Amino acid sequence: MYSINQEEYLKAFLNKGEVPIDDCASERALRNFTIGRKNWMTINTVRGAQASAIIYSITETARANNLNVYYYIKHLLTELPRLINKNGNIEQPVPEPLMPWSKTLPADCCSKHRN
């Protein structure tokens, strides 16, 4: 009965070409996260778990945008400190040039393979 009520959503990929028919891309993105579980024994605080979630989110988003993750994170760690104001915050809106889909990223970030 549930699936009959969800028919419209289950057929979304038929009407919208950008909707994938399966979730293989999502599963691949989560694989690194789940493999890292064994390393989580050292994450024994909420702040540690939040930091881990942030770094996983950044690396997987970089991968999804076909970036070289090492050089992208190096670029972020170089540029983000320059954007911090005297209160220790980064001004809103989020700096668009640092987003993984930005066309202004350095060439080494956009190269999938190390040079």
PDB file of N, CA and C in Angstrom:
ATOM      1  N   MET A   1       0.814  -1.186   0.000  1.00  0.00           N
ATOM      2  CA  MET A   1       0.000   0.000   0.000  1.00  0.00           C
ATOM      3  C   MET A   1       0.863   1.258   0.000  1.00  0.00           C
ATOM      4  N   TYR A   2       1.964   1.237   0.779  1.00  0.00           N
ATOM      5  CA  TYR A   2       2.822   2.401   0.866  1.00  0.00           C
ATOM      6  C   TYR A   2       3.376   2.785  -0.504  1.00  0.00           C
ATOM      7  N   SER A   3       3.865   1.793  -1.260  1.00  0.00           N
ATOM      8  CA  SER A   3       4.474   2.090  -2.554  1.00  0.00           C
ATOM      9  C   SER A   3       3.462   2.643  -3.557  1.00  0.00           C
ATOM     10  N   ILE A   4       2.223   2.258  -3.454  1.00  0.00           N
ATOM     11  CA  ILE A   4       1.198   2.803  -4.353  1.00  0.00           C
ATOM     12  C   ILE A   4       1.027   4.297  -4.098  1.00  0.00           C
ATOM     13  N   ASN A   5       1.043   4.695  -2.843  1.00  0.00           N
ATOM     14  CA  ASN A   5       0.935   6.118  -2.508  1.00  0.00           C
ATOM     15  C   ASN A   5       2.187   6.902  -2.907  1.00  0.00           C
ATOM     16  N   GLN A   6       3.295   6.215  -3.121  1.00  0.00           N
ATOM     17  CA  GLN A   6       4.568   6.862  -3.452  1.00  0.00           C
ATOM     18  C   GLN A   6       4.911   6.742  -4.934  1.00  0.00           C
ATOM     19  N   GLU A   7       3.977   6.283  -5.743  1.00  0.00           N
ATOM     20  CA  GLU A   7       4.247   6.027  -7.158  1.00  0.00           C
ATOM     21  C   GLU A   7       4.841   7.244  -7.867  1.00  0.00           C
ATOM     22  N   GLU A   8       4.307   8.411  -7.614  1.00  0.00           N
ATOM     23  CA  GLU A   8       4.798   9.638  -8.261  1.00  0.00           C
ATOM     24  C   GLU A   8       6.294   9.840  -7.980  1.00  0.00           C
ATOM     25  N   TYR A   9       6.704   9.623  -6.733  1.00  0.00           N
ATOM     26  CA  TYR A   9       8.095   9.833  -6.347  1.00  0.00           C
ATOM     27  C   TYR A   9       8.998   8.714  -6.861  1.00  0.00           C
ATOM     28  N   LEU A  10       8.477   7.503  -6.909  1.00  0.00           N
ATOM     29  CA  LEU A  10       9.263   6.377  -7.389  1.00  0.00           C
ATOM     30  C   LEU A  10       9.529   6.461  -8.895  1.00  0.00           C
ATOM     31  N   LYS A  11       8.699   7.180  -9.617  1.00  0.00           N
ATOM     32  CA  LYS A  11       8.867   7.343 -11.061  1.00  0.00           C
ATOM     33  C   LYS A  11       9.509   8.676 -11.432  1.00  0.00           C
ATOM     34  N   ALA A  12      10.062   9.388 -10.461  1.00  0.00           N
ATOM     35  CA  ALA A  12      10.639  10.712 -10.708  1.00  0.00           C
ATOM     36  C   ALA A  12      11.729  10.665 -11.769  1.00  0.00           C
ATOM     37  N   PHE A  13      12.526   9.596 -11.799  1.00  0.00           N
ATOM     38  CA  PHE A  13      13.616   9.513 -12.768  1.00  0.00           C
ATOM     39  C   PHE A  13      13.109   9.413 -14.211  1.00  0.00           C
ATOM     40  N   LEU A  14      11.847   9.050 -14.413  1.00  0.00           N
ATOM     41  CA  LEU A  14      11.293   8.963 -15.761  1.00  0.00           C
ATOM     42  C   LEU A  14      11.035  10.343 -16.362  1.00  0.00           C
ATOM     43  N   ASN A  15      10.685  11.299 -15.514  1.00  0.00           N
ATOM     44  CA  ASN A  15      10.344  12.635 -16.000  1.00  0.00           C
ATOM     45  C   ASN A  15      11.490  13.630 -15.902  1.00  0.00           C
ATOM     46  N   LYS A  16      12.431  13.363 -15.016  1.00  0.00           N
ATOM     47  CA  LYS A  16      13.545  14.281 -14.798  1.00  0.00           C
ATOM     48  C   LYS A  16      14.842  13.545 -15.060  1.00  0.00           C
ATOM     49  N   GLY A  17      15.525  13.921 -16.125  1.00  0.00           N
ATOM     50  CA  GLY A  17      16.743  13.223 -16.526  1.00  0.00           C
ATOM     51  C   GLY A  17      17.878  13.302 -15.533  1.00  0.00           C
ATOM     52  N   GLU A  18      17.894  14.329 -14.681  1.00  0.00           N
ATOM     53  CA  GLU A  18      18.989  14.458 -13.728  1.00  0.00           C
ATOM     54  C   GLU A  18      18.842  13.557 -12.504  1.00  0.00           C
ATOM     55  N   VAL A  19      17.691  12.945 -12.328  1.00  0.00           N
ATOM     56  CA  VAL A  19      17.467  12.041 -11.197  1.00  0.00           C
ATOM     57  C   VAL A  19      17.952  10.647 -11.593  1.00  0.00           C
ATOM     58  N   PRO A  20      18.939  10.104 -10.865  1.00  0.00           N
ATOM     59  CA  PRO A  20      19.458   8.778 -11.224  1.00  0.00           C
ATOM     60  C   PRO A  20      18.447   7.676 -10.909  1.00  0.00           C
ATOM     61  N   ILE A  21      18.539   6.596 -11.653  1.00  0.00           N
ATOM     62  CA  ILE A  21      17.617   5.482 -11.465  1.00  0.00           C
ATOM     63  C   ILE A  21      18.001   4.654 -10.235  1.00  0.00           C
ATOM     64  N   ASP A  22      19.259   4.752  -9.807  1.00  0.00           N
ATOM     65  CA  ASP A  22      19.698   4.023  -8.618  1.00  0.00           C
ATOM     66  C   ASP A  22      20.489   4.959  -7.709  1.00  0.00           C
ATOM     67  N   ASP A  23      20.951   4.428  -6.606  1.00  0.00           N
ATOM     68  CA  ASP A  23      21.683   5.259  -5.657  1.00  0.00           C
ATOM     69  C   ASP A  23      23.146   4.832  -5.526  1.00  0.00           C
ATOM     70  N   CYS A  24      23.704   4.296  -6.601  1.00  0.00           N
ATOM     71  CA  CYS A  24      25.095   3.833  -6.561  1.00  0.00           C
ATOM     72  C   CYS A  24      26.063   4.967  -6.241  1.00  0.00           C
ATOM     73  N   ALA A  25      25.835   6.160  -6.789  1.00  0.00           N
ATOM     74  CA  ALA A  25      26.728   7.292  -6.514  1.00  0.00           C
ATOM     75  C   ALA A  25      26.697   7.639  -5.032  1.00  0.00           C
ATOM     76  N   SER A  26      25.522   7.603  -4.437  1.00  0.00           N
ATOM     77  CA  SER A  26      25.399   7.888  -3.005  1.00  0.00           C
ATOM     78  C   SER A  26      26.114   6.821  -2.184  1.00  0.00           C
ATOM     79  N   GLU A  27      25.965   5.584  -2.575  1.00  0.00           N
ATOM     80  CA  GLU A  27      26.612   4.499  -1.846  1.00  0.00           C
ATOM     81  C   GLU A  27      28.129   4.598  -1.948  1.00  0.00           C
ATOM     82  N   ARG A  28      28.643   4.956  -3.131  1.00  0.00           N
ATOM     83  CA  ARG A  28      30.091   5.126  -3.295  1.00  0.00           C
ATOM     84  C   ARG A  28      30.600   6.259  -2.417  1.00  0.00           C
ATOM     85  N   ALA A  29      29.841   7.348  -2.344  1.00  0.00           N
ATOM     86  CA  ALA A  29      30.249   8.491  -1.527  1.00  0.00           C
ATOM     87  C   ALA A  29      30.288   8.134  -0.049  1.00  0.00           C
ATOM     88  N   LEU A  30      29.394   7.263   0.382  1.00  0.00           N
ATOM     89  CA  LEU A  30      29.334   6.883   1.796  1.00  0.00           C
ATOM     90  C   LEU A  30      30.340   5.798   2.169  1.00  0.00           C
ATOM     91  N   ARG A  31      30.886   5.122   1.177  1.00  0.00           N
ATOM     92  CA  ARG A  31      31.796   4.012   1.451  1.00  0.00           C
ATOM     93  C   ARG A  31      32.993   4.472   2.288  1.00  0.00           C
ATOM     94  N   ASN A  32      33.620   5.593   1.913  1.00  0.00           N
ATOM     95  CA  ASN A  32      34.777   6.077   2.680  1.00  0.00           C
ATOM     96  C   ASN A  32      34.387   6.392   4.111  1.00  0.00           C
ATOM     97  N   PHE A  33      33.222   6.916   4.272  1.00  0.00           N
ATOM     98  CA  PHE A  33      32.721   7.260   5.602  1.00  0.00           C
ATOM     99  C   PHE A  33      32.538   6.007   6.446  1.00  0.00           C
ATOM    100  N   THR A  34      31.946   4.985   5.874  1.00  0.00           N
ATOM    101  CA  THR A  34      31.690   3.768   6.647  1.00  0.00           C
ATOM    102  C   THR A  34      32.967   2.984   6.904  1.00  0.00           C
ATOM    103  N   ILE A  35      33.908   3.011   5.967  1.00  0.00           N
ATOM    104  CA  ILE A  35      35.180   2.324   6.192  1.00  0.00           C
ATOM    105  C   ILE A  35      35.946   2.997   7.324  1.00  0.00           C
ATOM    106  N   GLY A  36      35.773   4.307   7.464  1.00  0.00           N
ATOM    107  CA  GLY A  36      36.461   5.045   8.514  1.00  0.00           C
ATOM    108  C   GLY A  36      35.933   4.774   9.913  1.00  0.00           C
ATOM    109  N   ARG A  37      34.872   4.026  10.030  1.00  0.00           N
ATOM    110  CA  ARG A  37      34.287   3.759  11.357  1.00  0.00           C
ATOM    111  C   ARG A  37      35.292   3.191  12.344  1.00  0.00           C
ATOM    112  N   LYS A  38      36.180   2.353  11.859  1.00  0.00           N
ATOM    113  CA  LYS A  38      37.155   1.732  12.761  1.00  0.00           C
ATOM    114  C   LYS A  38      38.087   2.767  13.378  1.00  0.00           C
ATOM    115  N   ASN A  39      38.255   3.881  12.688  1.00  0.00           N
ATOM    116  CA  ASN A  39      39.114   4.941  13.209  1.00  0.00           C
ATOM    117  C   ASN A  39      38.384   5.814  14.230  1.00  0.00           C
ATOM    118  N   TRP A  40      37.111   5.634  14.359  1.00  0.00           N
ATOM    119  CA  TRP A  40      36.312   6.499  15.220  1.00  0.00           C
ATOM    120  C   TRP A  40      36.482   6.211  16.698  1.00  0.00           C
ATOM    121  N   MET A  41      37.238   5.207  17.019  1.00  0.00           N
ATOM    122  CA  MET A  41      37.449   4.917  18.431  1.00  0.00           C
ATOM    123  C   MET A  41      38.116   6.101  19.119  1.00  0.00           C
ATOM    124  N   THR A  42      38.838   6.905  18.353  1.00  0.00           N
ATOM    125  CA  THR A  42      39.512   8.075  18.924  1.00  0.00           C
ATOM    126  C   THR A  42      38.577   9.271  19.033  1.00  0.00           C
ATOM    127  N   ILE A  43      37.407   9.191  18.422  1.00  0.00           N
ATOM    128  CA  ILE A  43      36.442  10.290  18.503  1.00  0.00           C
ATOM    129  C   ILE A  43      35.540  10.018  19.692  1.00  0.00           C
ATOM    130  N   ASN A  44      35.902  10.590  20.809  1.00  0.00           N
ATOM    131  CA  ASN A  44      35.130  10.303  22.014  1.00  0.00           C
ATOM    132  C   ASN A  44      34.406  11.537  22.544  1.00  0.00           C
ATOM    133  N   THR A  45      34.326  12.584  21.715  1.00  0.00           N
ATOM    134  CA  THR A  45      33.604  13.787  22.128  1.00  0.00           C
ATOM    135  C   THR A  45      32.676  14.219  21.003  1.00  0.00           C
ATOM    136  N   VAL A  46      31.718  15.021  21.344  1.00  0.00           N
ATOM    137  CA  VAL A  46      30.788  15.554  20.348  1.00  0.00           C
ATOM    138  C   VAL A  46      31.544  16.449  19.371  1.00  0.00           C
ATOM    139  N   ARG A  47      32.445  17.265  19.888  1.00  0.00           N
ATOM    140  CA  ARG A  47      33.220  18.160  19.005  1.00  0.00           C
ATOM    141  C   ARG A  47      34.090  17.359  18.043  1.00  0.00           C
ATOM    142  N   GLY A  48      34.646  16.258  18.504  1.00  0.00           N
ATOM    143  CA  GLY A  48      35.446  15.406  17.625  1.00  0.00           C
ATOM    144  C   GLY A  48      34.590  14.805  16.519  1.00  0.00           C
ATOM    145  N   ALA A  49      33.388  14.377  16.869  1.00  0.00           N
ATOM    146  CA  ALA A  49      32.475  13.820  15.870  1.00  0.00           C
ATOM    147  C   ALA A  49      32.044  14.892  14.871  1.00  0.00           C
ATOM    148  N   GLN A  50      31.794  16.104  15.348  1.00  0.00           N
ATOM    149  CA  GLN A  50      31.425  17.195  14.439  1.00  0.00           C
ATOM    150  C   GLN A  50      32.571  17.526  13.493  1.00  0.00           C
ATOM    151  N   ALA A  51      33.783  17.563  14.007  1.00  0.00           N
ATOM    152  CA  ALA A  51      34.945  17.845  13.169  1.00  0.00           C
ATOM    153  C   ALA A  51      35.116  16.757  12.108  1.00  0.00           C
ATOM    154  N   SER A  52      34.922  15.515  12.511  1.00  0.00           N
ATOM    155  CA  SER A  52      35.024  14.405  11.569  1.00  0.00           C
ATOM    156  C   SER A  52      33.955  14.517  10.480  1.00  0.00           C
ATOM    157  N   ALA A  53      32.733  14.840  10.861  1.00  0.00           N
ATOM    158  CA  ALA A  53      31.650  14.988   9.886  1.00  0.00           C
ATOM    159  C   ALA A  53      31.944  16.116   8.908  1.00  0.00           C
ATOM    160  N   ILE A  54      32.519  17.197   9.393  1.00  0.00           N
ATOM    161  CA  ILE A  54      32.847  18.333   8.521  1.00  0.00           C
ATOM    162  C   ILE A  54      33.893  17.930   7.494  1.00  0.00           C
ATOM    163  N   ILE A  55      34.954  17.280   7.942  1.00  0.00           N
ATOM    164  CA  ILE A  55      36.021  16.919   7.006  1.00  0.00           C
ATOM    165  C   ILE A  55      35.544  15.874   6.003  1.00  0.00           C
ATOM    166  N   TYR A  56      34.722  14.922   6.444  1.00  0.00           N
ATOM    167  CA  TYR A  56      34.159  13.956   5.496  1.00  0.00           C
ATOM    168  C   TYR A  56      33.266  14.657   4.478  1.00  0.00           C
ATOM    169  N   SER A  57      32.481  15.597   4.922  1.00  0.00           N
ATOM    170  CA  SER A  57      31.596  16.338   4.026  1.00  0.00           C
ATOM    171  C   SER A  57      32.401  17.117   2.986  1.00  0.00           C
ATOM    172  N   ILE A  58      33.458  17.774   3.427  1.00  0.00           N
ATOM    173  CA  ILE A  58      34.299  18.546   2.501  1.00  0.00           C
ATOM    174  C   ILE A  58      34.967  17.627   1.492  1.00  0.00           C
ATOM    175  N   THR A  59      35.548  16.523   1.958  1.00  0.00           N
ATOM    176  CA  THR A  59      36.262  15.644   1.030  1.00  0.00           C
ATOM    177  C   THR A  59      35.319  14.971   0.038  1.00  0.00           C
ATOM    178  N   GLU A  60      34.166  14.535   0.489  1.00  0.00           N
ATOM    179  CA  GLU A  60      33.237  13.869  -0.428  1.00  0.00           C
ATOM    180  C   GLU A  60      32.622  14.857  -1.429  1.00  0.00           C
ATOM    181  N   THR A  61      32.388  16.096  -0.994  1.00  0.00           N
ATOM    182  CA  THR A  61      31.880  17.109  -1.926  1.00  0.00           C
ATOM    183  C   THR A  61      32.952  17.445  -2.957  1.00  0.00           C
ATOM    184  N   ALA A  62      34.204  17.506  -2.530  1.00  0.00           N
ATOM    185  CA  ALA A  62      35.303  17.746  -3.471  1.00  0.00           C
ATOM    186  C   ALA A  62      35.391  16.602  -4.484  1.00  0.00           C
ATOM    187  N   ARG A  63      35.288  15.379  -4.000  1.00  0.00           N
ATOM    188  CA  ARG A  63      35.312  14.226  -4.918  1.00  0.00           C
ATOM    189  C   ARG A  63      34.149  14.267  -5.900  1.00  0.00           C
ATOM    190  N   ALA A  64      32.970  14.618  -5.394  1.00  0.00           N
ATOM    191  CA  ALA A  64      31.787  14.679  -6.262  1.00  0.00           C
ATOM    192  C   ALA A  64      31.940  15.737  -7.346  1.00  0.00           C
ATOM    193  N   ASN A  65      32.773  16.743  -7.089  1.00  0.00           N
ATOM    194  CA  ASN A  65      33.026  17.796  -8.071  1.00  0.00           C
ATOM    195  C   ASN A  65      34.321  17.565  -8.835  1.00  0.00           C
ATOM    196  N   ASN A  66      34.832  16.336  -8.780  1.00  0.00           N
ATOM    197  CA  ASN A  66      36.028  15.919  -9.514  1.00  0.00           C
ATOM    198  C   ASN A  66      37.260  16.752  -9.197  1.00  0.00           C
ATOM    199  N   LEU A  67      37.431  17.101  -7.927  1.00  0.00           N
ATOM    200  CA  LEU A  67      38.600  17.865  -7.519  1.00  0.00           C
ATOM    201  C   LEU A  67      39.659  16.938  -6.943  1.00  0.00           C
ATOM    202  N   ASN A  68      40.886  17.407  -6.943  1.00  0.00           N
ATOM    203  CA  ASN A  68      41.955  16.730  -6.235  1.00  0.00           C
ATOM    204  C   ASN A  68      41.794  17.132  -4.773  1.00  0.00           C
ATOM    205  N   VAL A  69      41.392  16.214  -3.937  1.00  0.00           N
ATOM    206  CA  VAL A  69      41.021  16.507  -2.559  1.00  0.00           C
ATOM    207  C   VAL A  69      42.187  17.105  -1.782  1.00  0.00           C
ATOM    208  N   TYR A  70      43.388  16.579  -1.957  1.00  0.00           N
ATOM    209  CA  TYR A  70      44.555  17.091  -1.236  1.00  0.00           C
ATOM    210  C   TYR A  70      44.763  18.573  -1.524  1.00  0.00           C
ATOM    211  N   TYR A  71      44.809  18.928  -2.801  1.00  0.00           N
ATOM    212  CA  TYR A  71      45.065  20.320  -3.166  1.00  0.00           C
ATOM    213  C   TYR A  71      43.886  21.227  -2.834  1.00  0.00           C
ATOM    214  N   TYR A  72      42.686  20.703  -2.884  1.00  0.00           N
ATOM    215  CA  TYR A  72      41.518  21.511  -2.514  1.00  0.00           C
ATOM    216  C   TYR A  72      41.545  21.852  -1.025  1.00  0.00           C
ATOM    217  N   ILE A  73      41.817  20.878  -0.170  1.00  0.00           N
ATOM    218  CA  ILE A  73      41.884  21.149   1.266  1.00  0.00           C
ATOM    219  C   ILE A  73      43.069  22.071   1.571  1.00  0.00           C
ATOM    220  N   LYS A  74      44.184  21.872   0.889  1.00  0.00           N
ATOM    221  CA  LYS A  74      45.336  22.767   1.062  1.00  0.00           C
ATOM    222  C   LYS A  74      44.935  24.199   0.710  1.00  0.00           C
ATOM    223  N   HIS A  75      44.196  24.363  -0.368  1.00  0.00           N
ATOM    224  CA  HIS A  75      43.723  25.692  -0.782  1.00  0.00           C
ATOM    225  C   HIS A  75      42.781  26.280   0.271  1.00  0.00           C
ATOM    226  N   LEU A  76      41.858  25.486   0.786  1.00  0.00           N
ATOM    227  CA  LEU A  76      40.941  25.971   1.828  1.00  0.00           C
ATOM    228  C   LEU A  76      41.701  26.412   3.078  1.00  0.00           C
ATOM    229  N   LEU A  77      42.663  25.610   3.499  1.00  0.00           N
ATOM    230  CA  LEU A  77      43.415  25.936   4.711  1.00  0.00           C
ATOM    231  C   LEU A  77      44.305  27.164   4.521  1.00  0.00           C
ATOM    232  N   THR A  78      44.624  27.491   3.288  1.00  0.00           N
ATOM    233  CA  THR A  78      45.397  28.696   2.999  1.00  0.00           C
ATOM    234  C   THR A  78      44.497  29.927   2.935  1.00  0.00           C
ATOM    235  N   GLU A  79      43.338  29.773   2.299  1.00  0.00           N
ATOM    236  CA  GLU A  79      42.468  30.925   2.042  1.00  0.00           C
ATOM    237  C   GLU A  79      41.505  31.256   3.182  1.00  0.00           C
ATOM    238  N   LEU A  80      40.981  30.281   3.880  1.00  0.00           N
ATOM    239  CA  LEU A  80      39.999  30.554   4.935  1.00  0.00           C
ATOM    240  C   LEU A  80      40.532  31.471   6.040  1.00  0.00           C
ATOM    241  N   PRO A  81      41.774  31.301   6.502  1.00  0.00           N
ATOM    242  CA  PRO A  81      42.260  32.216   7.539  1.00  0.00           C
ATOM    243  C   PRO A  81      42.265  33.681   7.101  1.00  0.00           C
ATOM    244  N   ARG A  82      42.388  33.931   5.830  1.00  0.00           N
ATOM    245  CA  ARG A  82      42.387  35.308   5.314  1.00  0.00           C
ATOM    246  C   ARG A  82      41.001  35.949   5.381  1.00  0.00           C
ATOM    247  N   LEU A  83      39.962  35.130   5.489  1.00  0.00           N
ATOM    248  CA  LEU A  83      38.593  35.634   5.490  1.00  0.00           C
ATOM    249  C   LEU A  83      38.014  35.826   6.894  1.00  0.00           C
ATOM    250  N   ILE A  84      38.774  35.468   7.906  1.00  0.00           N
ATOM    251  CA  ILE A  84      38.276  35.560   9.279  1.00  0.00           C
ATOM    252  C   ILE A  84      38.361  37.011   9.748  1.00  0.00           C
ATOM    253  N   ASN A  85      37.255  37.518  10.292  1.00  0.00           N
ATOM    254  CA  ASN A  85      37.238  38.897  10.792  1.00  0.00           C
ATOM    255  C   ASN A  85      37.787  38.948  12.217  1.00  0.00           C
ATOM    256  N   LYS A  86      37.796  40.139  12.816  1.00  0.00           N
ATOM    257  CA  LYS A  86      38.393  40.303  14.142  1.00  0.00           C
ATOM    258  C   LYS A  86      37.629  39.562  15.245  1.00  0.00           C
ATOM    259  N   ASN A  87      36.382  39.176  14.969  1.00  0.00           N
ATOM    260  CA  ASN A  87      35.591  38.406  15.931  1.00  0.00           C
ATOM    261  C   ASN A  87      35.808  36.901  15.789  1.00  0.00           C
ATOM    262  N   GLY A  88      36.619  36.509  14.819  1.00  0.00           N
ATOM    263  CA  GLY A  88      36.887  35.097  14.601  1.00  0.00           C
ATOM    264  C   GLY A  88      35.872  34.390  13.727  1.00  0.00           C
ATOM    265  N   ASN A  89      35.040  35.159  13.017  1.00  0.00           N
ATOM    266  CA  ASN A  89      34.008  34.588  12.150  1.00  0.00           C
ATOM    267  C   ASN A  89      34.309  34.892  10.694  1.00  0.00           C
ATOM    268  N   ILE A  90      33.723  34.100   9.828  1.00  0.00           N
ATOM    269  CA  ILE A  90      33.806  34.366   8.395  1.00  0.00           C
ATOM    270  C   ILE A  90      32.520  35.068   8.005  1.00  0.00           C
ATOM    271  N   GLU A  91      32.657  36.172   7.320  1.00  0.00           N
ATOM    272  CA  GLU A  91      31.489  36.956   6.926  1.00  0.00           C
ATOM    273  C   GLU A  91      30.578  36.144   6.012  1.00  0.00           C
ATOM    274  N   GLN A  92      29.291  36.338   6.168  1.00  0.00           N
ATOM    275  CA  GLN A  92      28.298  35.713   5.289  1.00  0.00           C
ATOM    276  C   GLN A  92      28.062  36.631   4.111  1.00  0.00           C
ATOM    277  N   PRO A  93      27.667  36.209   2.972  1.00  0.00           N
ATOM    278  CA  PRO A  93      27.422  34.813   2.602  1.00  0.00           C
ATOM    279  C   PRO A  93      28.723  34.020   2.471  1.00  0.00           C
ATOM    280  N   VAL A  94      28.574  32.724   2.410  1.00  0.00           N
ATOM    281  CA  VAL A  94      29.738  31.841   2.299  1.00  0.00           C
ATOM    282  C   VAL A  94      30.547  32.265   1.080  1.00  0.00           C
ATOM    283  N   PRO A  95      31.854  32.315   1.221  1.00  0.00           N
ATOM    284  CA  PRO A  95      32.713  32.750   0.112  1.00  0.00           C
ATOM    285  C   PRO A  95      32.581  31.833  -1.108  1.00  0.00           C
ATOM    286  N   GLU A  96      31.877  32.290  -2.088  1.00  0.00           N
ATOM    287  CA  GLU A  96      31.623  31.501  -3.299  1.00  0.00           C
ATOM    288  C   GLU A  96      32.904  31.034  -4.007  1.00  0.00           C
ATOM    289  N   PRO A  97      33.960  31.840  -4.064  1.00  0.00           N
ATOM    290  CA  PRO A  97      35.177  31.367  -4.765  1.00  0.00           C
ATOM    291  C   PRO A  97      35.816  30.128  -4.147  1.00  0.00           C
ATOM    292  N   LEU A  98      35.479  29.798  -2.912  1.00  0.00           N
ATOM    293  CA  LEU A  98      36.059  28.621  -2.268  1.00  0.00           C
ATOM    294  C   LEU A  98      35.207  27.363  -2.406  1.00  0.00           C
ATOM    295  N   MET A  99      34.017  27.511  -2.945  1.00  0.00           N
ATOM    296  CA  MET A  99      33.137  26.355  -3.098  1.00  0.00           C
ATOM    297  C   MET A  99      33.724  25.387  -4.131  1.00  0.00           C
ATOM    298  N   PRO A 100      33.500  24.086  -3.969  1.00  0.00           N
ATOM    299  CA  PRO A 100      34.109  23.108  -4.873  1.00  0.00           C
ATOM    300  C   PRO A 100      33.638  23.213  -6.317  1.00  0.00           C
ATOM    301  N   TRP A 101      32.555  23.897  -6.574  1.00  0.00           N
ATOM    302  CA  TRP A 101      32.059  24.063  -7.937  1.00  0.00           C
ATOM    303  C   TRP A 101      32.498  25.394  -8.541  1.00  0.00           C
ATOM    304  N   SER A 102      33.279  26.173  -7.808  1.00  0.00           N
ATOM    305  CA  SER A 102      33.717  27.490  -8.281  1.00  0.00           C
ATOM    306  C   SER A 102      34.633  27.344  -9.497  1.00  0.00           C
ATOM    307  N   LYS A 103      34.455  28.225 -10.442  1.00  0.00           N
ATOM    308  CA  LYS A 103      35.292  28.235 -11.658  1.00  0.00           C
ATOM    309  C   LYS A 103      36.621  28.937 -11.403  1.00  0.00           C
ATOM    310  N   THR A 104      36.790  29.539 -10.216  1.00  0.00           N
ATOM    311  CA  THR A 104      38.006  30.303  -9.930  1.00  0.00           C
ATOM    312  C   THR A 104      39.003  29.546  -9.058  1.00  0.00           C
ATOM    313  N   LEU A 105      38.790  28.268  -8.833  1.00  0.00           N
ATOM    314  CA  LEU A 105      39.743  27.477  -8.050  1.00  0.00           C
ATOM    315  C   LEU A 105      41.054  27.339  -8.812  1.00  0.00           C
ATOM    316  N   PRO A 106      42.175  27.215  -8.099  1.00  0.00           N
ATOM    317  CA  PRO A 106      43.461  27.013  -8.767  1.00  0.00           C
ATOM    318  C   PRO A 106      43.464  25.727  -9.604  1.00  0.00           C
ATOM    319  N   ALA A 107      44.293  25.713 -10.607  1.00  0.00           N
ATOM    320  CA  ALA A 107      44.350  24.573 -11.538  1.00  0.00           C
ATOM    321  C   ALA A 107      44.696  23.267 -10.826  1.00  0.00           C
ATOM    322  N   ASP A 108      45.573  23.319  -9.819  1.00  0.00           N
ATOM    323  CA  ASP A 108      45.946  22.068  -9.146  1.00  0.00           C
ATOM    324  C   ASP A 108      44.768  21.453  -8.383  1.00  0.00           C
ATOM    325  N   CYS A 109      43.804  22.265  -7.954  1.00  0.00           N
ATOM    326  CA  CYS A 109      42.620  21.732  -7.293  1.00  0.00           C
ATOM    327  C   CYS A 109      41.713  21.007  -8.288  1.00  0.00           C
ATOM    328  N   CYS A 110      41.695  21.509  -9.503  1.00  0.00           N
ATOM    329  CA  CYS A 110      40.792  20.962 -10.518  1.00  0.00           C
ATOM    330  C   CYS A 110      41.344  19.724 -11.195  1.00  0.00           C
ATOM    331  N   SER A 111      42.598  19.428 -10.953  1.00  0.00           N
ATOM    332  CA  SER A 111      43.214  18.239 -11.523  1.00  0.00           C
ATOM    333  C   SER A 111      42.913  17.050 -10.639  1.00  0.00           C
ATOM    334  N   LYS A 112      42.258  16.052 -11.202  1.00  0.00           N
ATOM    335  CA  LYS A 112      41.889  14.861 -10.428  1.00  0.00           C
ATOM    336  C   LYS A 112      43.130  14.087  -9.993  1.00  0.00           C
ATOM    337  N   HIS A 113      44.190  14.157 -10.761  1.00  0.00           N
ATOM    338  CA  HIS A 113      45.398  13.389 -10.466  1.00  0.00           C
ATOM    339  C   HIS A 113      46.476  14.319  -9.943  1.00  0.00           C
ATOM    340  N   ARG A 114      47.306  13.796  -9.056  1.00  0.00           N
ATOM    341  CA  ARG A 114      48.417  14.586  -8.532  1.00  0.00           C
ATOM    342  C   ARG A 114      49.417  14.865  -9.629  1.00  0.00           C
ATOM    343  N   ASN A 115      50.030  16.025  -9.551  1.00  0.00           N
ATOM    344  CA  ASN A 115      51.074  16.403 -10.536  1.00  0.00           C
ATOM    345  C   ASN A 115      52.408  15.864 -10.110  1.00  0.00           C
TER     346      ASN A 115
END
